[in-house]
């Protein structure tokens, strides 16, 4: 679980959000989860297999490189950050503790992106 410049940026952005928006978003997230459970029931799918071949094997290293390059060039965007975090989660498949931590990071980046969208409207 390597902390990158993009990960640090996403944590910084998510920590600077507005509590009222975070509370509202947490409530909306809970409502969406309840809607999903009502529609599909409790879901307990397997994690899938850890990618072992192109284009997904070692994808987190590739995505990290793209993210770091974009940050250096001043082109960093939310897609770079989210792709890197999802790739790290895929690489953690097979280690439940690491996978859980990576998925929390994915969720935090998604929330930070939503907060950034909300700030545009102000």
N, C-alpha and C. Protein backbone atom coordinates (compact mmCIF):
# COMPACT_ATOMS: atom_id res chain seq x y z
N UNK A 1 0.85 -1.16 0.00
CA UNK A 1 0.00 0.00 0.00
C UNK A 1 0.91 1.24 0.00
N UNK A 2 1.31 1.69 -1.17
CA UNK A 2 2.20 2.83 -1.30
C UNK A 2 1.39 4.11 -1.34
N UNK A 3 1.77 5.08 -0.55
CA UNK A 3 1.09 6.37 -0.57
C UNK A 3 1.74 7.23 -1.62
N UNK A 4 0.96 7.71 -2.54
CA UNK A 4 1.48 8.51 -3.64
C UNK A 4 1.06 9.96 -3.49
N UNK A 5 1.63 10.78 -4.35
CA UNK A 5 1.26 12.19 -4.39
C UNK A 5 -0.23 12.32 -4.65
N UNK A 6 -0.77 11.51 -5.55
CA UNK A 6 -2.20 11.57 -5.85
C UNK A 6 -3.03 11.17 -4.64
N UNK A 7 -2.59 10.13 -3.93
CA UNK A 7 -3.32 9.70 -2.74
C UNK A 7 -3.29 10.79 -1.68
N UNK A 8 -2.15 11.41 -1.51
CA UNK A 8 -2.05 12.50 -0.53
C UNK A 8 -2.95 13.65 -0.93
N UNK A 9 -2.99 13.96 -2.23
CA UNK A 9 -3.86 15.03 -2.70
C UNK A 9 -5.32 14.69 -2.44
N UNK A 10 -5.72 13.46 -2.71
CA UNK A 10 -7.12 13.09 -2.51
C UNK A 10 -7.48 13.15 -1.03
N UNK A 11 -6.54 12.75 -0.15
CA UNK A 11 -6.82 12.85 1.29
C UNK A 11 -6.93 14.30 1.71
N UNK A 12 -6.07 15.16 1.18
CA UNK A 12 -6.10 16.58 1.52
C UNK A 12 -7.42 17.19 1.09
N UNK A 13 -7.87 16.87 -0.11
CA UNK A 13 -9.12 17.42 -0.62
C UNK A 13 -10.30 16.91 0.19
N UNK A 14 -10.30 15.61 0.50
CA UNK A 14 -11.44 15.06 1.24
C UNK A 14 -11.51 15.63 2.66
N UNK A 15 -10.37 16.00 3.22
CA UNK A 15 -10.38 16.56 4.57
C UNK A 15 -10.81 18.02 4.59
N UNK A 16 -10.78 18.70 3.44
CA UNK A 16 -11.13 20.11 3.41
C UNK A 16 -12.59 20.33 3.03
N UNK A 17 -13.36 19.24 2.90
CA UNK A 17 -14.77 19.37 2.53
C UNK A 17 -15.60 20.00 3.63
N UNK A 18 -16.81 20.29 3.33
CA UNK A 18 -17.71 20.92 4.29
C UNK A 18 -18.49 19.86 5.04
N UNK A 19 -18.52 19.91 6.37
CA UNK A 19 -19.21 18.89 7.17
C UNK A 19 -20.67 18.71 6.78
N UNK A 20 -21.35 19.79 6.45
CA UNK A 20 -22.76 19.65 6.11
C UNK A 20 -22.92 18.82 4.83
N UNK A 21 -22.04 19.02 3.87
CA UNK A 21 -22.09 18.23 2.64
C UNK A 21 -21.72 16.78 2.93
N UNK A 22 -20.72 16.58 3.79
CA UNK A 22 -20.30 15.22 4.11
C UNK A 22 -21.42 14.45 4.81
N UNK A 23 -22.12 15.13 5.71
CA UNK A 23 -23.24 14.49 6.40
C UNK A 23 -24.33 14.14 5.40
N UNK A 24 -24.66 15.09 4.52
CA UNK A 24 -25.70 14.86 3.52
C UNK A 24 -25.30 13.72 2.58
N UNK A 25 -24.03 13.71 2.14
CA UNK A 25 -23.56 12.66 1.24
C UNK A 25 -23.56 11.29 1.92
N UNK A 26 -23.19 11.26 3.21
CA UNK A 26 -23.22 9.99 3.94
C UNK A 26 -24.64 9.46 4.02
N UNK A 27 -25.58 10.35 4.24
CA UNK A 27 -27.00 9.96 4.28
C UNK A 27 -27.46 9.44 2.92
N UNK A 28 -27.07 10.14 1.85
CA UNK A 28 -27.44 9.70 0.49
C UNK A 28 -26.80 8.35 0.17
N UNK A 29 -25.56 8.16 0.61
CA UNK A 29 -24.88 6.90 0.38
C UNK A 29 -25.61 5.77 1.10
N UNK A 30 -26.00 6.02 2.35
CA UNK A 30 -26.74 5.01 3.12
C UNK A 30 -28.06 4.69 2.43
N UNK A 31 -28.76 5.71 1.95
CA UNK A 31 -30.02 5.49 1.25
C UNK A 31 -29.81 4.67 -0.02
N UNK A 32 -28.74 4.97 -0.74
CA UNK A 32 -28.46 4.20 -1.97
C UNK A 32 -28.15 2.75 -1.65
N UNK A 33 -27.39 2.50 -0.60
CA UNK A 33 -27.09 1.12 -0.19
C UNK A 33 -28.38 0.39 0.19
N UNK A 34 -29.28 1.07 0.90
CA UNK A 34 -30.55 0.45 1.26
C UNK A 34 -31.37 0.14 0.01
N UNK A 35 -31.35 1.04 -0.96
CA UNK A 35 -32.06 0.81 -2.22
C UNK A 35 -31.49 -0.42 -2.94
N UNK A 36 -30.15 -0.52 -2.97
CA UNK A 36 -29.51 -1.67 -3.61
C UNK A 36 -29.87 -2.97 -2.90
N UNK A 37 -29.85 -2.95 -1.57
CA UNK A 37 -30.20 -4.16 -0.82
C UNK A 37 -31.65 -4.55 -1.06
N UNK A 38 -32.53 -3.54 -1.14
CA UNK A 38 -33.94 -3.83 -1.39
C UNK A 38 -34.12 -4.45 -2.78
N UNK A 39 -33.36 -3.97 -3.73
CA UNK A 39 -33.49 -4.46 -5.11
C UNK A 39 -32.83 -5.83 -5.29
N UNK A 40 -31.60 -6.01 -4.76
CA UNK A 40 -30.80 -7.19 -5.04
C UNK A 40 -30.66 -8.13 -3.86
N UNK A 41 -31.03 -7.68 -2.65
CA UNK A 41 -30.76 -8.48 -1.46
C UNK A 41 -29.31 -8.32 -1.06
N UNK A 42 -28.95 -8.97 0.03
CA UNK A 42 -27.55 -8.90 0.48
C UNK A 42 -26.67 -9.54 -0.58
N UNK A 43 -25.62 -8.83 -0.95
CA UNK A 43 -24.73 -9.32 -2.01
C UNK A 43 -23.41 -9.78 -1.39
N UNK A 44 -23.04 -11.00 -1.70
CA UNK A 44 -21.79 -11.57 -1.20
C UNK A 44 -21.04 -12.24 -2.35
N UNK A 45 -20.69 -11.43 -3.33
CA UNK A 45 -19.97 -11.95 -4.51
C UNK A 45 -18.52 -12.24 -4.17
N UNK A 46 -17.89 -13.15 -4.90
CA UNK A 46 -16.45 -13.34 -4.70
C UNK A 46 -15.70 -12.10 -5.19
N UNK A 47 -14.49 -11.91 -4.71
CA UNK A 47 -13.68 -10.75 -5.10
C UNK A 47 -13.20 -10.84 -6.54
N UNK A 48 -13.19 -12.03 -7.08
CA UNK A 48 -12.59 -12.22 -8.40
C UNK A 48 -11.13 -12.61 -8.22
N UNK A 49 -10.48 -12.85 -9.32
CA UNK A 49 -9.08 -13.26 -9.26
C UNK A 49 -8.17 -12.06 -9.46
N UNK A 50 -7.03 -12.13 -8.82
CA UNK A 50 -6.04 -11.08 -8.99
C UNK A 50 -5.57 -11.11 -10.45
N UNK A 51 -5.58 -9.96 -11.12
CA UNK A 51 -5.16 -9.95 -12.53
C UNK A 51 -3.73 -10.46 -12.69
N UNK A 52 -3.53 -11.36 -13.66
CA UNK A 52 -2.20 -11.93 -13.87
C UNK A 52 -1.68 -11.69 -15.28
N UNK A 53 -2.50 -11.10 -16.13
CA UNK A 53 -2.03 -10.87 -17.49
C UNK A 53 -2.45 -9.48 -17.97
N UNK A 54 -1.82 -9.04 -19.03
CA UNK A 54 -2.12 -7.72 -19.59
C UNK A 54 -3.60 -7.67 -19.96
N UNK A 55 -4.23 -6.55 -19.87
CA UNK A 55 -3.67 -5.25 -19.53
C UNK A 55 -3.76 -4.92 -18.04
N UNK A 56 -4.21 -5.85 -17.21
CA UNK A 56 -4.45 -5.50 -15.82
C UNK A 56 -3.36 -5.93 -14.85
N UNK A 57 -2.53 -6.88 -15.19
CA UNK A 57 -1.46 -7.30 -14.28
C UNK A 57 -0.51 -6.13 -14.06
N UNK A 58 -0.11 -5.93 -12.82
CA UNK A 58 0.78 -4.83 -12.45
C UNK A 58 0.23 -3.48 -12.89
N UNK A 59 -1.08 -3.40 -12.98
CA UNK A 59 -1.71 -2.17 -13.45
C UNK A 59 -1.52 -1.02 -12.48
N UNK A 60 -1.38 -1.29 -11.19
CA UNK A 60 -1.23 -0.18 -10.25
C UNK A 60 0.09 0.55 -10.50
N UNK A 61 1.15 -0.18 -10.85
CA UNK A 61 2.42 0.48 -11.16
C UNK A 61 2.27 1.37 -12.39
N UNK A 62 1.60 0.86 -13.39
CA UNK A 62 1.35 1.63 -14.61
C UNK A 62 0.51 2.86 -14.31
N UNK A 63 -0.60 2.67 -13.57
CA UNK A 63 -1.47 3.79 -13.24
C UNK A 63 -0.75 4.81 -12.36
N UNK A 64 0.06 4.34 -11.42
CA UNK A 64 0.83 5.23 -10.56
C UNK A 64 1.76 6.09 -11.40
N UNK A 65 2.39 5.48 -12.39
CA UNK A 65 3.27 6.23 -13.29
C UNK A 65 2.52 7.30 -14.05
N UNK A 66 1.34 6.94 -14.56
CA UNK A 66 0.52 7.93 -15.28
C UNK A 66 0.11 9.07 -14.36
N UNK A 67 -0.29 8.71 -13.14
CA UNK A 67 -0.74 9.72 -12.18
C UNK A 67 0.41 10.64 -11.80
N UNK A 68 1.57 10.06 -11.49
CA UNK A 68 2.72 10.88 -11.12
C UNK A 68 3.15 11.79 -12.27
N UNK A 69 3.14 11.27 -13.49
CA UNK A 69 3.51 12.07 -14.66
C UNK A 69 2.52 13.22 -14.86
N UNK A 70 1.23 12.90 -14.73
CA UNK A 70 0.20 13.94 -14.89
C UNK A 70 0.36 15.02 -13.82
N UNK A 71 0.68 14.61 -12.59
CA UNK A 71 0.88 15.59 -11.51
C UNK A 71 2.09 16.48 -11.81
N UNK A 72 3.19 15.86 -12.27
CA UNK A 72 4.39 16.64 -12.61
C UNK A 72 4.12 17.63 -13.73
N UNK A 73 3.30 17.20 -14.71
CA UNK A 73 3.01 18.03 -15.89
C UNK A 73 1.87 19.01 -15.67
N UNK A 74 1.26 18.98 -14.46
CA UNK A 74 0.15 19.88 -14.18
C UNK A 74 -1.16 19.47 -14.85
N UNK A 75 -1.29 18.18 -15.16
CA UNK A 75 -2.50 17.68 -15.83
C UNK A 75 -3.31 16.73 -14.96
N UNK A 76 -2.98 16.64 -13.68
CA UNK A 76 -3.64 15.68 -12.81
C UNK A 76 -5.14 15.94 -12.75
N UNK A 77 -5.92 14.87 -12.90
CA UNK A 77 -7.37 14.99 -12.77
C UNK A 77 -7.91 13.81 -11.97
N UNK A 78 -9.20 13.87 -11.68
CA UNK A 78 -9.83 12.84 -10.83
C UNK A 78 -9.75 11.46 -11.45
N UNK A 79 -9.80 11.36 -12.78
CA UNK A 79 -9.71 10.04 -13.40
C UNK A 79 -8.37 9.38 -13.09
N UNK A 80 -7.29 10.15 -13.14
CA UNK A 80 -5.97 9.59 -12.80
C UNK A 80 -5.98 9.03 -11.38
N UNK A 81 -6.47 9.83 -10.45
CA UNK A 81 -6.45 9.45 -9.03
C UNK A 81 -7.30 8.21 -8.79
N UNK A 82 -8.52 8.20 -9.33
CA UNK A 82 -9.41 7.06 -9.10
C UNK A 82 -8.89 5.79 -9.77
N UNK A 83 -8.38 5.89 -10.98
CA UNK A 83 -7.83 4.70 -11.65
C UNK A 83 -6.68 4.10 -10.85
N UNK A 84 -5.82 4.95 -10.31
CA UNK A 84 -4.70 4.43 -9.52
C UNK A 84 -5.21 3.70 -8.29
N UNK A 85 -6.18 4.28 -7.59
CA UNK A 85 -6.69 3.64 -6.38
C UNK A 85 -7.42 2.33 -6.69
N UNK A 86 -8.20 2.28 -7.75
CA UNK A 86 -8.88 1.04 -8.14
C UNK A 86 -7.85 -0.02 -8.52
N UNK A 87 -6.82 0.37 -9.25
CA UNK A 87 -5.78 -0.59 -9.63
C UNK A 87 -5.09 -1.15 -8.39
N UNK A 88 -4.85 -0.30 -7.39
CA UNK A 88 -4.24 -0.78 -6.15
C UNK A 88 -5.17 -1.77 -5.43
N UNK A 89 -6.48 -1.52 -5.49
CA UNK A 89 -7.43 -2.45 -4.88
C UNK A 89 -7.38 -3.80 -5.60
N UNK A 90 -7.35 -3.77 -6.93
CA UNK A 90 -7.28 -5.02 -7.68
C UNK A 90 -6.00 -5.79 -7.32
N UNK A 91 -4.90 -5.08 -7.15
CA UNK A 91 -3.64 -5.73 -6.78
C UNK A 91 -3.71 -6.35 -5.39
N UNK A 92 -4.58 -5.85 -4.53
CA UNK A 92 -4.69 -6.36 -3.16
C UNK A 92 -5.61 -7.58 -3.05
N UNK A 93 -6.25 -7.99 -4.13
CA UNK A 93 -7.13 -9.15 -4.08
C UNK A 93 -6.34 -10.36 -3.58
N UNK A 94 -6.92 -11.05 -2.62
CA UNK A 94 -6.26 -12.20 -2.00
C UNK A 94 -5.80 -11.90 -0.59
N UNK A 95 -5.76 -10.63 -0.24
CA UNK A 95 -5.38 -10.19 1.12
C UNK A 95 -6.52 -9.31 1.61
N UNK A 96 -7.46 -9.91 2.35
CA UNK A 96 -8.67 -9.19 2.75
C UNK A 96 -8.39 -7.89 3.50
N UNK A 97 -7.39 -7.89 4.38
CA UNK A 97 -7.08 -6.68 5.14
C UNK A 97 -6.61 -5.57 4.20
N UNK A 98 -5.69 -5.89 3.31
CA UNK A 98 -5.18 -4.89 2.36
C UNK A 98 -6.26 -4.45 1.38
N UNK A 99 -7.06 -5.40 0.91
CA UNK A 99 -8.14 -5.06 -0.02
C UNK A 99 -9.13 -4.11 0.63
N UNK A 100 -9.49 -4.39 1.87
CA UNK A 100 -10.43 -3.51 2.58
C UNK A 100 -9.87 -2.09 2.68
N UNK A 101 -8.60 -1.97 3.04
CA UNK A 101 -7.97 -0.65 3.15
C UNK A 101 -7.95 0.07 1.80
N UNK A 102 -7.64 -0.66 0.75
CA UNK A 102 -7.60 -0.05 -0.59
C UNK A 102 -9.00 0.39 -1.03
N UNK A 103 -10.02 -0.40 -0.72
CA UNK A 103 -11.39 -0.03 -1.09
C UNK A 103 -11.86 1.19 -0.30
N UNK A 104 -11.40 1.33 0.94
CA UNK A 104 -11.71 2.54 1.70
C UNK A 104 -11.09 3.75 1.00
N UNK A 105 -9.87 3.59 0.50
CA UNK A 105 -9.22 4.68 -0.23
C UNK A 105 -9.98 5.00 -1.51
N UNK A 106 -10.47 3.97 -2.21
CA UNK A 106 -11.30 4.20 -3.41
C UNK A 106 -12.53 5.01 -3.03
N UNK A 107 -13.21 4.60 -1.97
CA UNK A 107 -14.42 5.31 -1.54
C UNK A 107 -14.11 6.75 -1.16
N UNK A 108 -12.98 6.98 -0.50
CA UNK A 108 -12.61 8.34 -0.10
C UNK A 108 -12.34 9.22 -1.31
N UNK A 109 -11.71 8.67 -2.33
CA UNK A 109 -11.47 9.44 -3.55
C UNK A 109 -12.79 9.78 -4.23
N UNK A 110 -13.71 8.83 -4.27
CA UNK A 110 -15.02 9.10 -4.88
C UNK A 110 -15.73 10.22 -4.12
N UNK A 111 -15.70 10.17 -2.80
CA UNK A 111 -16.34 11.22 -2.00
C UNK A 111 -15.65 12.57 -2.26
N UNK A 112 -14.32 12.58 -2.32
CA UNK A 112 -13.60 13.82 -2.58
C UNK A 112 -13.97 14.39 -3.95
N UNK A 113 -14.15 13.52 -4.94
CA UNK A 113 -14.54 13.96 -6.28
C UNK A 113 -15.94 14.58 -6.24
N UNK A 114 -16.84 13.92 -5.52
CA UNK A 114 -18.20 14.46 -5.37
C UNK A 114 -18.16 15.83 -4.69
N UNK A 115 -17.34 15.95 -3.65
CA UNK A 115 -17.20 17.24 -2.97
C UNK A 115 -16.68 18.31 -3.92
N UNK A 116 -15.74 17.94 -4.79
CA UNK A 116 -15.21 18.90 -5.76
C UNK A 116 -16.30 19.34 -6.74
N UNK A 117 -17.14 18.40 -7.15
CA UNK A 117 -18.27 18.74 -8.03
C UNK A 117 -19.20 19.71 -7.32
N UNK A 118 -19.49 19.43 -6.05
CA UNK A 118 -20.39 20.31 -5.27
C UNK A 118 -19.81 21.72 -5.13
N UNK A 119 -18.48 21.83 -4.97
CA UNK A 119 -17.86 23.15 -4.82
C UNK A 119 -17.95 23.96 -6.11
N UNK A 120 -18.05 23.31 -7.24
CA UNK A 120 -18.19 24.03 -8.52
C UNK A 120 -19.46 24.86 -8.59
N UNK A 121 -20.49 24.37 -7.91
CA UNK A 121 -21.79 25.04 -7.95
C UNK A 121 -21.88 26.26 -7.06
N UNK A 122 -20.85 26.54 -6.30
CA UNK A 122 -20.91 27.65 -5.35
C UNK A 122 -20.49 28.94 -6.00
